N, C-alpha and C. Protein backbone atom coordinates (compact mmCIF):
# COMPACT_ATOMS: atom_id res chain seq x y z
N UNK A 1 21.03 44.91 -56.98
CA UNK A 1 19.47 45.10 -57.41
C UNK A 1 18.96 45.45 -56.22
N UNK A 2 17.98 46.35 -56.36
CA UNK A 2 17.20 46.57 -55.01
C UNK A 2 15.63 46.66 -55.41
N UNK A 3 14.75 45.95 -54.39
CA UNK A 3 13.44 45.98 -55.06
C UNK A 3 12.68 46.98 -54.11
N UNK A 4 11.75 47.90 -54.60
CA UNK A 4 11.19 48.78 -53.84
C UNK A 4 9.58 48.47 -54.08
N UNK A 5 9.08 47.90 -52.92
CA UNK A 5 7.79 47.51 -53.08
C UNK A 5 6.62 48.63 -53.02
N UNK A 6 5.40 48.33 -53.37
CA UNK A 6 4.53 49.40 -53.47
C UNK A 6 3.82 49.63 -51.99
N UNK A 7 3.47 50.96 -51.69
CA UNK A 7 2.77 51.65 -50.80
C UNK A 7 1.22 51.14 -50.93
N UNK A 8 0.78 50.74 -49.94
CA UNK A 8 -0.87 50.58 -49.91
C UNK A 8 -1.60 51.76 -49.47
N UNK A 9 -2.86 52.19 -49.74
CA UNK A 9 -3.46 53.19 -49.25
C UNK A 9 -3.58 53.40 -47.60
N UNK A 10 -3.51 52.42 -47.02
CA UNK A 10 -3.30 52.41 -45.70
C UNK A 10 -1.94 52.66 -44.96
N UNK A 11 -0.91 52.87 -46.00
CA UNK A 11 0.31 53.38 -45.44
C UNK A 11 1.16 51.84 -45.28
N UNK A 12 0.71 50.78 -45.42
CA UNK A 12 1.45 49.47 -45.39
C UNK A 12 2.30 49.27 -46.70
N UNK A 13 3.14 48.32 -46.38
CA UNK A 13 3.70 48.05 -47.70
C UNK A 13 3.57 46.44 -48.13
N UNK A 14 3.19 46.20 -49.33
CA UNK A 14 2.69 45.02 -49.95
C UNK A 14 4.39 44.34 -50.31
N UNK A 15 4.76 43.13 -49.58
CA UNK A 15 5.63 42.60 -49.73
C UNK A 15 5.35 41.26 -50.52
N UNK A 16 5.96 40.77 -51.70
CA UNK A 16 5.96 39.46 -52.35
C UNK A 16 7.15 38.61 -52.05
N UNK A 17 6.92 37.39 -51.85
CA UNK A 17 8.62 36.76 -51.95
C UNK A 17 8.87 36.38 -53.40
N UNK A 18 10.00 37.04 -53.57
CA UNK A 18 10.44 36.57 -54.91
C UNK A 18 10.76 35.24 -55.55
N UNK A 19 10.62 34.31 -54.22
CA UNK A 19 11.15 32.91 -54.48
C UNK A 19 9.65 32.14 -54.95
N UNK A 20 8.73 32.28 -54.08
CA UNK A 20 7.43 31.41 -54.00
C UNK A 20 5.97 32.19 -54.14
N UNK A 21 6.36 33.55 -54.27
CA UNK A 21 4.93 34.63 -54.48
C UNK A 21 4.25 35.01 -53.38
N UNK A 22 4.24 34.24 -52.26
CA UNK A 22 3.61 34.93 -51.27
C UNK A 22 3.68 36.12 -51.07
N UNK A 23 2.40 36.82 -50.17
CA UNK A 23 2.33 38.09 -49.95
C UNK A 23 2.05 38.54 -48.45
N UNK A 24 2.60 39.49 -48.13
CA UNK A 24 2.36 39.97 -46.68
C UNK A 24 2.20 41.55 -46.94
N UNK A 25 1.32 41.97 -45.83
CA UNK A 25 1.17 43.49 -45.71
C UNK A 25 2.19 43.84 -44.44
N UNK A 26 3.09 44.62 -44.59
CA UNK A 26 4.10 45.08 -43.53
C UNK A 26 3.59 46.33 -43.32
N UNK A 27 3.67 46.69 -41.76
CA UNK A 27 3.03 48.01 -41.27
C UNK A 27 4.34 48.58 -40.29
N UNK A 28 4.46 49.83 -40.17
CA UNK A 28 5.00 50.67 -39.57
C UNK A 28 6.42 50.38 -40.21
N UNK A 29 6.92 50.71 -41.55
CA UNK A 29 7.93 50.56 -42.14
C UNK A 29 8.27 51.88 -42.53
N UNK A 30 9.63 52.43 -42.41
CA UNK A 30 10.09 53.60 -42.95
C UNK A 30 10.45 53.57 -44.40
N UNK A 31 10.55 52.47 -44.94
CA UNK A 31 10.94 52.25 -46.30
C UNK A 31 10.41 51.40 -47.05
N UNK A 32 10.44 51.32 -48.38
CA UNK A 32 9.61 50.30 -49.33
C UNK A 32 10.59 49.34 -49.81
N UNK A 33 12.07 49.18 -49.20
CA UNK A 33 12.92 48.26 -49.26
C UNK A 33 12.75 47.20 -48.39
N UNK A 34 12.00 46.28 -48.50
CA UNK A 34 12.07 45.35 -47.34
C UNK A 34 12.38 43.96 -47.59
N UNK A 35 12.81 43.00 -46.61
CA UNK A 35 12.96 41.70 -46.90
C UNK A 35 12.67 40.88 -45.52
N UNK A 36 11.74 40.16 -45.92
CA UNK A 36 11.32 39.23 -44.68
C UNK A 36 11.60 37.72 -44.73
N UNK A 37 11.65 36.96 -43.62
CA UNK A 37 11.88 35.60 -43.65
C UNK A 37 10.52 35.01 -44.27
N UNK A 38 10.96 34.00 -45.17
CA UNK A 38 9.72 33.29 -45.89
C UNK A 38 9.98 31.67 -45.60
N UNK A 39 9.10 30.78 -45.31
CA UNK A 39 9.06 29.51 -45.19
C UNK A 39 9.41 28.93 -46.25
N UNK A 40 9.58 29.34 -47.36
CA UNK A 40 9.75 28.28 -48.56
C UNK A 40 10.93 27.96 -48.97
N UNK A 41 11.79 28.74 -48.65
CA UNK A 41 13.24 28.55 -48.39
C UNK A 41 14.13 28.90 -47.21
N UNK A 42 13.45 29.13 -46.12
CA UNK A 42 14.07 29.47 -44.70
C UNK A 42 14.92 30.62 -44.84
N UNK A 43 14.65 31.75 -45.72
CA UNK A 43 15.68 32.90 -45.78
C UNK A 43 14.73 33.96 -45.80
N UNK A 44 15.65 35.25 -45.93
CA UNK A 44 14.92 36.39 -45.89
C UNK A 44 14.83 36.66 -47.47
N UNK A 45 13.63 37.35 -48.16
CA UNK A 45 13.39 37.45 -49.42
C UNK A 45 13.10 38.76 -49.58
N UNK A 46 13.61 39.55 -50.42
CA UNK A 46 14.63 39.22 -51.56
C UNK A 46 15.66 39.28 -50.86
N UNK A 47 16.95 38.37 -51.37
CA UNK A 47 17.99 38.73 -50.91
C UNK A 47 18.77 39.81 -50.88
N UNK A 48 18.37 40.40 -52.21
CA UNK A 48 19.32 41.78 -52.46
C UNK A 48 18.42 42.54 -51.35
N UNK A 49 17.74 42.56 -51.06
CA UNK A 49 17.11 43.56 -49.80
C UNK A 49 17.64 43.34 -48.62
N UNK A 50 17.85 42.09 -48.24
CA UNK A 50 18.53 41.75 -47.20
C UNK A 50 19.75 42.28 -46.77
N UNK A 51 20.63 42.36 -47.76
CA UNK A 51 21.64 43.15 -47.41
C UNK A 51 21.75 44.44 -46.93
N UNK A 52 20.71 45.15 -47.35
CA UNK A 52 20.47 46.34 -46.85
C UNK A 52 20.26 46.76 -45.24
N UNK A 53 19.68 45.51 -44.70
CA UNK A 53 19.56 45.45 -43.23
C UNK A 53 20.82 44.82 -42.73
N UNK A 54 21.33 43.92 -43.19
CA UNK A 54 22.39 43.15 -42.48
C UNK A 54 23.82 44.07 -42.66
N UNK A 55 23.90 44.81 -43.60
CA UNK A 55 25.14 45.46 -43.47
C UNK A 55 25.01 46.68 -42.72
N UNK A 56 23.96 47.18 -42.38
CA UNK A 56 23.45 48.42 -41.55
C UNK A 56 23.16 49.69 -42.37
N UNK A 57 23.19 49.38 -43.76
CA UNK A 57 22.76 50.79 -44.53
C UNK A 57 21.54 51.04 -44.23
N UNK A 58 20.73 50.35 -43.68
CA UNK A 58 19.10 50.80 -43.30
C UNK A 58 19.29 52.11 -42.28
N UNK A 59 20.21 51.82 -41.55
CA UNK A 59 20.53 53.05 -40.28
C UNK A 59 20.95 54.13 -40.65
N UNK A 60 21.87 53.88 -41.85
CA UNK A 60 22.58 55.14 -41.98
C UNK A 60 21.93 55.63 -43.75
N UNK A 61 20.90 55.15 -44.12
CA UNK A 61 20.57 55.43 -45.53
C UNK A 61 20.12 56.79 -45.53
N UNK A 62 20.21 57.56 -46.85
CA UNK A 62 19.75 58.93 -46.76
C UNK A 62 18.40 58.83 -47.84
N UNK A 63 17.84 57.50 -47.96
CA UNK A 63 16.42 57.44 -48.69
C UNK A 63 15.46 58.24 -48.30
N UNK A 64 14.95 58.79 -49.13
CA UNK A 64 13.60 59.76 -48.74
C UNK A 64 12.41 58.49 -48.25
N UNK A 65 11.96 58.68 -46.89
CA UNK A 65 11.07 58.04 -46.28
C UNK A 65 9.75 58.44 -46.89
N UNK A 66 9.02 57.36 -47.36
CA UNK A 66 7.74 57.51 -47.89
C UNK A 66 6.78 56.97 -47.14
């Protein structure tokens, strides 16, 4: 599973923790597939998107940049 987060009018991505529901605006990203550390469980959430970065897929992705 991959979660694509919405782009805001200012170009940032609105991330939501899939564990606790916290929100954050992420700027300067080239993709809407994001996974960032959350203090609720001390992990990058969502974990399904974390694999996108840890396996290096982010560097070789053909995803259309938005």
